[in-house]
Amino acid sequence: MEEVVEAFEEGRRVRREWADWEFINSLPPKLRAALKYYVETGDIYVASRIAGLSVDEFNELRIRARVPSVT
């Protein structure tokens, strides 16, 4: 169980470090909130729902925001 928590925290750390925060903070509130949620959780499905986008559309936004997909 501890390894799972460590992996989750490592993924969060990597996403936070690599994200383009200037770009993210320039977005409309809904998209900004969705990307911040994704950075913190890695849950692309819920983040896409927050943004009001399909998973594919949100994934394109994630790439533009330079947020890595860490599994």
PDB file of N, CA and C in Angstrom:
ATOM      1  N   MET A   1       0.826  -1.199   0.000  1.00  0.00           N
ATOM      2  CA  MET A   1       0.000   0.000   0.000  1.00  0.00           C
ATOM      3  C   MET A   1       0.865   1.256   0.000  1.00  0.00           C
ATOM      4  N   GLU A   2       1.944   1.226   0.754  1.00  0.00           N
ATOM      5  CA  GLU A   2       2.825   2.386   0.829  1.00  0.00           C
ATOM      6  C   GLU A   2       3.435   2.715  -0.531  1.00  0.00           C
ATOM      7  N   GLU A   3       3.734   1.667  -1.317  1.00  0.00           N
ATOM      8  CA  GLU A   3       4.307   1.897  -2.647  1.00  0.00           C
ATOM      9  C   GLU A   3       3.320   2.617  -3.565  1.00  0.00           C
ATOM     10  N   VAL A   4       2.038   2.297  -3.420  1.00  0.00           N
ATOM     11  CA  VAL A   4       1.007   2.939  -4.232  1.00  0.00           C
ATOM     12  C   VAL A   4       0.935   4.422  -3.889  1.00  0.00           C
ATOM     13  N   VAL A   5       0.963   4.741  -2.606  1.00  0.00           N
ATOM     14  CA  VAL A   5       0.921   6.138  -2.165  1.00  0.00           C
ATOM     15  C   VAL A   5       2.155   6.882  -2.659  1.00  0.00           C
ATOM     16  N   GLU A   6       3.304   6.260  -2.570  1.00  0.00           N
ATOM     17  CA  GLU A   6       4.538   6.890  -3.047  1.00  0.00           C
ATOM     18  C   GLU A   6       4.487   7.139  -4.550  1.00  0.00           C
ATOM     19  N   ALA A   7       3.967   6.188  -5.310  1.00  0.00           N
ATOM     20  CA  ALA A   7       3.858   6.355  -6.763  1.00  0.00           C
ATOM     21  C   ALA A   7       2.892   7.483  -7.101  1.00  0.00           C
ATOM     22  N   PHE A   8       1.771   7.563  -6.377  1.00  0.00           N
ATOM     23  CA  PHE A   8       0.803   8.636  -6.596  1.00  0.00           C
ATOM     24  C   PHE A   8       1.442   9.995  -6.318  1.00  0.00           C
ATOM     25  N   GLU A   9       2.153  10.102  -5.203  1.00  0.00           N
ATOM     26  CA  GLU A   9       2.805  11.360  -4.845  1.00  0.00           C
ATOM     27  C   GLU A   9       3.907  11.730  -5.831  1.00  0.00           C
ATOM     28  N   GLU A  10       4.637  10.732  -6.331  1.00  0.00           N
ATOM     29  CA  GLU A  10       5.678  10.992  -7.325  1.00  0.00           C
ATOM     30  C   GLU A  10       5.057  11.501  -8.628  1.00  0.00           C
ATOM     31  N   GLY A  11       3.940  10.904  -9.042  1.00  0.00           N
ATOM     32  CA  GLY A  11       3.253  11.378 -10.243  1.00  0.00           C
ATOM     33  C   GLY A  11       2.799  12.815 -10.091  1.00  0.00           C
ATOM     34  N   ARG A  12       2.245  13.139  -8.943  1.00  0.00           N
ATOM     35  CA  ARG A  12       1.811  14.516  -8.666  1.00  0.00           C
ATOM     36  C   ARG A  12       2.996  15.478  -8.726  1.00  0.00           C
ATOM     37  N   ARG A  13       4.114  15.076  -8.120  1.00  0.00           N
ATOM     38  CA  ARG A  13       5.298  15.931  -8.107  1.00  0.00           C
ATOM     39  C   ARG A  13       5.787  16.206  -9.535  1.00  0.00           C
ATOM     40  N   VAL A  14       5.839  15.168 -10.347  1.00  0.00           N
ATOM     41  CA  VAL A  14       6.307  15.317 -11.731  1.00  0.00           C
ATOM     42  C   VAL A  14       5.357  16.214 -12.521  1.00  0.00           C
ATOM     43  N   ARG A  15       4.049  15.984 -12.383  1.00  0.00           N
ATOM     44  CA  ARG A  15       3.085  16.822 -13.112  1.00  0.00           C
ATOM     45  C   ARG A  15       3.197  18.279 -12.688  1.00  0.00           C
ATOM     46  N   ARG A  16       3.333  18.533 -11.388  1.00  0.00           N
ATOM     47  CA  ARG A  16       3.472  19.913 -10.898  1.00  0.00           C
ATOM     48  C   ARG A  16       4.728  20.576 -11.452  1.00  0.00           C
ATOM     49  N   GLU A  17       5.830  19.834 -11.431  1.00  0.00           N
ATOM     50  CA  GLU A  17       7.118  20.382 -11.843  1.00  0.00           C
ATOM     51  C   GLU A  17       7.165  20.734 -13.327  1.00  0.00           C
ATOM     52  N   TRP A  18       6.597  19.881 -14.168  1.00  0.00           N
ATOM     53  CA  TRP A  18       6.708  20.061 -15.610  1.00  0.00           C
ATOM     54  C   TRP A  18       5.603  20.925 -16.219  1.00  0.00           C
ATOM     55  N   ALA A  19       4.529  21.145 -15.495  1.00  0.00           N
ATOM     56  CA  ALA A  19       3.397  21.906 -16.040  1.00  0.00           C
ATOM     57  C   ALA A  19       3.804  23.337 -16.391  1.00  0.00           C
ATOM     58  N   ASP A  20       3.214  23.848 -17.448  1.00  0.00           N
ATOM     59  CA  ASP A  20       3.422  25.239 -17.870  1.00  0.00           C
ATOM     60  C   ASP A  20       2.387  26.095 -17.129  1.00  0.00           C
ATOM     61  N   TRP A  21       2.753  26.547 -15.934  1.00  0.00           N
ATOM     62  CA  TRP A  21       1.803  27.257 -15.076  1.00  0.00           C
ATOM     63  C   TRP A  21       1.397  28.603 -15.655  1.00  0.00           C
ATOM     64  N   GLU A  22       2.259  29.235 -16.414  1.00  0.00           N
ATOM     65  CA  GLU A  22       1.887  30.508 -17.050  1.00  0.00           C
ATOM     66  C   GLU A  22       0.737  30.278 -18.030  1.00  0.00           C
ATOM     67  N   PHE A  23       0.852  29.226 -18.832  1.00  0.00           N
ATOM     68  CA  PHE A  23      -0.216  28.879 -19.777  1.00  0.00           C
ATOM     69  C   PHE A  23      -1.489  28.497 -19.023  1.00  0.00           C
ATOM     70  N   ILE A  24      -1.363  27.632 -18.028  1.00  0.00           N
ATOM     71  CA  ILE A  24      -2.531  27.167 -17.270  1.00  0.00           C
ATOM     72  C   ILE A  24      -3.258  28.343 -16.630  1.00  0.00           C
ATOM     73  N   ASN A  25      -2.525  29.248 -16.021  1.00  0.00           N
ATOM     74  CA  ASN A  25      -3.151  30.387 -15.342  1.00  0.00           C
ATOM     75  C   ASN A  25      -3.753  31.409 -16.299  1.00  0.00           C
ATOM     76  N   SER A  26      -3.420  31.314 -17.588  1.00  0.00           N
ATOM     77  CA  SER A  26      -3.984  32.233 -18.580  1.00  0.00           C
ATOM     78  C   SER A  26      -5.323  31.727 -19.133  1.00  0.00           C
ATOM     79  N   LEU A  27      -5.693  30.515 -18.788  1.00  0.00           N
ATOM     80  CA  LEU A  27      -6.909  29.898 -19.331  1.00  0.00           C
ATOM     81  C   LEU A  27      -8.158  30.369 -18.595  1.00  0.00           C
ATOM     82  N   PRO A  28      -9.324  30.202 -19.237  1.00  0.00           N
ATOM     83  CA  PRO A  28     -10.586  30.483 -18.549  1.00  0.00           C
ATOM     84  C   PRO A  28     -10.713  29.606 -17.295  1.00  0.00           C
ATOM     85  N   PRO A  29     -11.482  30.061 -16.318  1.00  0.00           N
ATOM     86  CA  PRO A  29     -11.558  29.353 -15.021  1.00  0.00           C
ATOM     87  C   PRO A  29     -11.878  27.863 -15.111  1.00  0.00           C
ATOM     88  N   LYS A  30     -12.805  27.466 -15.969  1.00  0.00           N
ATOM     89  CA  LYS A  30     -13.197  26.060 -16.056  1.00  0.00           C
ATOM     90  C   LYS A  30     -12.034  25.192 -16.542  1.00  0.00           C
ATOM     91  N   LEU A  31     -11.330  25.639 -17.560  1.00  0.00           N
ATOM     92  CA  LEU A  31     -10.193  24.876 -18.082  1.00  0.00           C
ATOM     93  C   LEU A  31      -9.035  24.878 -17.096  1.00  0.00           C
ATOM     94  N   ARG A  32      -8.810  26.017 -16.464  1.00  0.00           N
ATOM     95  CA  ARG A  32      -7.749  26.131 -15.449  1.00  0.00           C
ATOM     96  C   ARG A  32      -8.022  25.165 -14.292  1.00  0.00           C
ATOM     97  N   ALA A  33      -9.251  25.144 -13.811  1.00  0.00           N
ATOM     98  CA  ALA A  33      -9.620  24.250 -12.704  1.00  0.00           C
ATOM     99  C   ALA A  33      -9.439  22.785 -13.107  1.00  0.00           C
ATOM    100  N   ALA A  34      -9.815  22.453 -14.332  1.00  0.00           N
ATOM    101  CA  ALA A  34      -9.696  21.074 -14.800  1.00  0.00           C
ATOM    102  C   ALA A  34      -8.236  20.646 -14.872  1.00  0.00           C
ATOM    103  N   LEU A  35      -7.381  21.510 -15.379  1.00  0.00           N
ATOM    104  CA  LEU A  35      -5.960  21.167 -15.457  1.00  0.00           C
ATOM    105  C   LEU A  35      -5.340  21.059 -14.070  1.00  0.00           C
ATOM    106  N   LYS A  36      -5.723  21.943 -13.175  1.00  0.00           N
ATOM    107  CA  LYS A  36      -5.206  21.857 -11.801  1.00  0.00           C
ATOM    108  C   LYS A  36      -5.658  20.555 -11.147  1.00  0.00           C
ATOM    109  N   TYR A  37      -6.908  20.168 -11.379  1.00  0.00           N
ATOM    110  CA  TYR A  37      -7.410  18.900 -10.852  1.00  0.00           C
ATOM    111  C   TYR A  37      -6.585  17.746 -11.416  1.00  0.00           C
ATOM    112  N   TYR A  38      -6.329  17.784 -12.720  1.00  0.00           N
ATOM    113  CA  TYR A  38      -5.544  16.716 -13.343  1.00  0.00           C
ATOM    114  C   TYR A  38      -4.133  16.656 -12.763  1.00  0.00           C
ATOM    115  N   VAL A  39      -3.501  17.808 -12.590  1.00  0.00           N
ATOM    116  CA  VAL A  39      -2.154  17.839 -12.026  1.00  0.00           C
ATOM    117  C   VAL A  39      -2.145  17.182 -10.646  1.00  0.00           C
ATOM    118  N   GLU A  40      -3.145  17.467  -9.849  1.00  0.00           N
ATOM    119  CA  GLU A  40      -3.190  16.941  -8.482  1.00  0.00           C
ATOM    120  C   GLU A  40      -3.568  15.461  -8.412  1.00  0.00           C
ATOM    121  N   THR A  41      -4.414  14.988  -9.329  1.00  0.00           N
ATOM    122  CA  THR A  41      -4.940  13.621  -9.204  1.00  0.00           C
ATOM    123  C   THR A  41      -4.496  12.675 -10.313  1.00  0.00           C
ATOM    124  N   GLY A  42      -4.243  13.201 -11.507  1.00  0.00           N
ATOM    125  CA  GLY A  42      -3.931  12.346 -12.644  1.00  0.00           C
ATOM    126  C   GLY A  42      -5.157  11.712 -13.262  1.00  0.00           C
ATOM    127  N   ASP A  43      -6.350  12.118 -12.840  1.00  0.00           N
ATOM    128  CA  ASP A  43      -7.604  11.530 -13.327  1.00  0.00           C
ATOM    129  C   ASP A  43      -8.092  12.313 -14.541  1.00  0.00           C
ATOM    130  N   ILE A  44      -7.773  11.802 -15.726  1.00  0.00           N
ATOM    131  CA  ILE A  44      -8.098  12.523 -16.958  1.00  0.00           C
ATOM    132  C   ILE A  44      -9.600  12.517 -17.237  1.00  0.00           C
ATOM    133  N   TYR A  45     -10.297  11.457 -16.832  1.00  0.00           N
ATOM    134  CA  TYR A  45     -11.733  11.390 -17.089  1.00  0.00           C
ATOM    135  C   TYR A  45     -12.478  12.487 -16.330  1.00  0.00           C
ATOM    136  N   VAL A  46     -12.255  12.583 -15.028  1.00  0.00           N
ATOM    137  CA  VAL A  46     -12.944  13.603 -14.224  1.00  0.00           C
ATOM    138  C   VAL A  46     -12.495  14.999 -14.662  1.00  0.00           C
ATOM    139  N   ALA A  47     -11.216  15.166 -14.931  1.00  0.00           N
ATOM    140  CA  ALA A  47     -10.722  16.473 -15.379  1.00  0.00           C
ATOM    141  C   ALA A  47     -11.406  16.899 -16.679  1.00  0.00           C
ATOM    142  N   SER A  48     -11.605  15.949 -17.596  1.00  0.00           N
ATOM    143  CA  SER A  48     -12.267  16.293 -18.860  1.00  0.00           C
ATOM    144  C   SER A  48     -13.718  16.695 -18.620  1.00  0.00           C
ATOM    145  N   ARG A  49     -14.378  16.071 -17.656  1.00  0.00           N
ATOM    146  CA  ARG A  49     -15.757  16.439 -17.310  1.00  0.00           C
ATOM    147  C   ARG A  49     -15.798  17.842 -16.719  1.00  0.00           C
ATOM    148  N   ILE A  50     -14.847  18.164 -15.862  1.00  0.00           N
ATOM    149  CA  ILE A  50     -14.775  19.509 -15.272  1.00  0.00           C
ATOM    150  C   ILE A  50     -14.615  20.547 -16.380  1.00  0.00           C
ATOM    151  N   ALA A  51     -13.774  20.239 -17.356  1.00  0.00           N
ATOM    152  CA  ALA A  51     -13.507  21.165 -18.460  1.00  0.00           C
ATOM    153  C   ALA A  51     -14.656  21.231 -19.459  1.00  0.00           C
ATOM    154  N   GLY A  52     -15.541  20.237 -19.442  1.00  0.00           N
ATOM    155  CA  GLY A  52     -16.606  20.186 -20.433  1.00  0.00           C
ATOM    156  C   GLY A  52     -16.103  19.746 -21.795  1.00  0.00           C
ATOM    157  N   LEU A  53     -15.044  18.925 -21.802  1.00  0.00           N
ATOM    158  CA  LEU A  53     -14.426  18.446 -23.033  1.00  0.00           C
ATOM    159  C   LEU A  53     -14.459  16.932 -23.060  1.00  0.00           C
ATOM    160  N   SER A  54     -14.280  16.380 -24.260  1.00  0.00           N
ATOM    161  CA  SER A  54     -14.094  14.936 -24.345  1.00  0.00           C
ATOM    162  C   SER A  54     -12.711  14.614 -23.785  1.00  0.00           C
ATOM    163  N   VAL A  55     -12.475  13.358 -23.491  1.00  0.00           N
ATOM    164  CA  VAL A  55     -11.163  12.955 -22.986  1.00  0.00           C
ATOM    165  C   VAL A  55     -10.079  13.296 -24.014  1.00  0.00           C
ATOM    166  N   ASP A  56     -10.352  13.064 -25.289  1.00  0.00           N
ATOM    167  CA  ASP A  56      -9.369  13.380 -26.332  1.00  0.00           C
ATOM    168  C   ASP A  56      -9.086  14.875 -26.400  1.00  0.00           C
ATOM    169  N   GLU A  57     -10.127  15.692 -26.322  1.00  0.00           N
ATOM    170  CA  GLU A  57      -9.937  17.147 -26.346  1.00  0.00           C
ATOM    171  C   GLU A  57      -9.155  17.607 -25.122  1.00  0.00           C
ATOM    172  N   PHE A  58      -9.484  17.043 -23.958  1.00  0.00           N
ATOM    173  CA  PHE A  58      -8.754  17.417 -22.746  1.00  0.00           C
ATOM    174  C   PHE A  58      -7.298  16.985 -22.848  1.00  0.00           C
ATOM    175  N   ASN A  59      -7.061  15.817 -23.418  1.00  0.00           N
ATOM    176  CA  ASN A  59      -5.688  15.341 -23.575  1.00  0.00           C
ATOM    177  C   ASN A  59      -4.878  16.296 -24.437  1.00  0.00           C
ATOM    178  N   GLU A  60      -5.484  16.850 -25.481  1.00  0.00           N
ATOM    179  CA  GLU A  60      -4.799  17.843 -26.312  1.00  0.00           C
ATOM    180  C   GLU A  60      -4.465  19.096 -25.501  1.00  0.00           C
ATOM    181  N   LEU A  61      -5.401  19.523 -24.648  1.00  0.00           N
ATOM    182  CA  LEU A  61      -5.154  20.670 -23.773  1.00  0.00           C
ATOM    183  C   LEU A  61      -4.024  20.352 -22.795  1.00  0.00           C
ATOM    184  N   ARG A  62      -4.036  19.147 -22.229  1.00  0.00           N
ATOM    185  CA  ARG A  62      -2.977  18.722 -21.308  1.00  0.00           C
ATOM    186  C   ARG A  62      -1.607  18.802 -21.975  1.00  0.00           C
ATOM    187  N   ILE A  63      -1.529  18.372 -23.228  1.00  0.00           N
ATOM    188  CA  ILE A  63      -0.280  18.420 -23.960  1.00  0.00           C
ATOM    189  C   ILE A  63       0.169  19.857 -24.185  1.00  0.00           C
ATOM    190  N   ARG A  64      -0.770  20.734 -24.555  1.00  0.00           N
ATOM    191  CA  ARG A  64      -0.428  22.161 -24.735  1.00  0.00           C
ATOM    192  C   ARG A  64       0.058  22.789 -23.446  1.00  0.00           C
ATOM    193  N   ALA A  65      -0.463  22.300 -22.319  1.00  0.00           N
ATOM    194  CA  ALA A  65      -0.070  22.824 -21.008  1.00  0.00           C
ATOM    195  C   ALA A  65       1.200  22.156 -20.482  1.00  0.00           C
ATOM    196  N   ARG A  66       1.766  21.243 -21.275  1.00  0.00           N
ATOM    197  CA  ARG A  66       2.998  20.542 -20.938  1.00  0.00           C
ATOM    198  C   ARG A  66       2.889  19.737 -19.641  1.00  0.00           C
ATOM    199  N   VAL A  67       1.721  19.231 -19.356  1.00  0.00           N
ATOM    200  CA  VAL A  67       1.543  18.394 -18.177  1.00  0.00           C
ATOM    201  C   VAL A  67       1.764  16.948 -18.619  1.00  0.00           C
ATOM    202  N   PRO A  68       2.786  16.287 -18.074  1.00  0.00           N
ATOM    203  CA  PRO A  68       3.051  14.909 -18.502  1.00  0.00           C
ATOM    204  C   PRO A  68       1.977  13.939 -18.018  1.00  0.00           C
ATOM    205  N   SER A  69       1.794  12.888 -18.784  1.00  0.00           N
ATOM    206  CA  SER A  69       0.897  11.811 -18.395  1.00  0.00           C
ATOM    207  C   SER A  69       1.748  10.787 -17.650  1.00  0.00           C
ATOM    208  N   VAL A  70       1.635  10.784 -16.335  1.00  0.00           N
ATOM    209  CA  VAL A  70       2.455   9.907 -15.490  1.00  0.00           C
ATOM    210  C   VAL A  70       1.571   8.800 -14.962  1.00  0.00           C
ATOM    211  N   THR A  71       1.982   7.559 -15.193  1.00  0.00           N
ATOM    212  CA  THR A  71       1.182   6.434 -14.701  1.00  0.00           C
ATOM    213  C   THR A  71       1.924   5.673 -13.638  1.00  0.00           C
TER     214      THR A  71
END
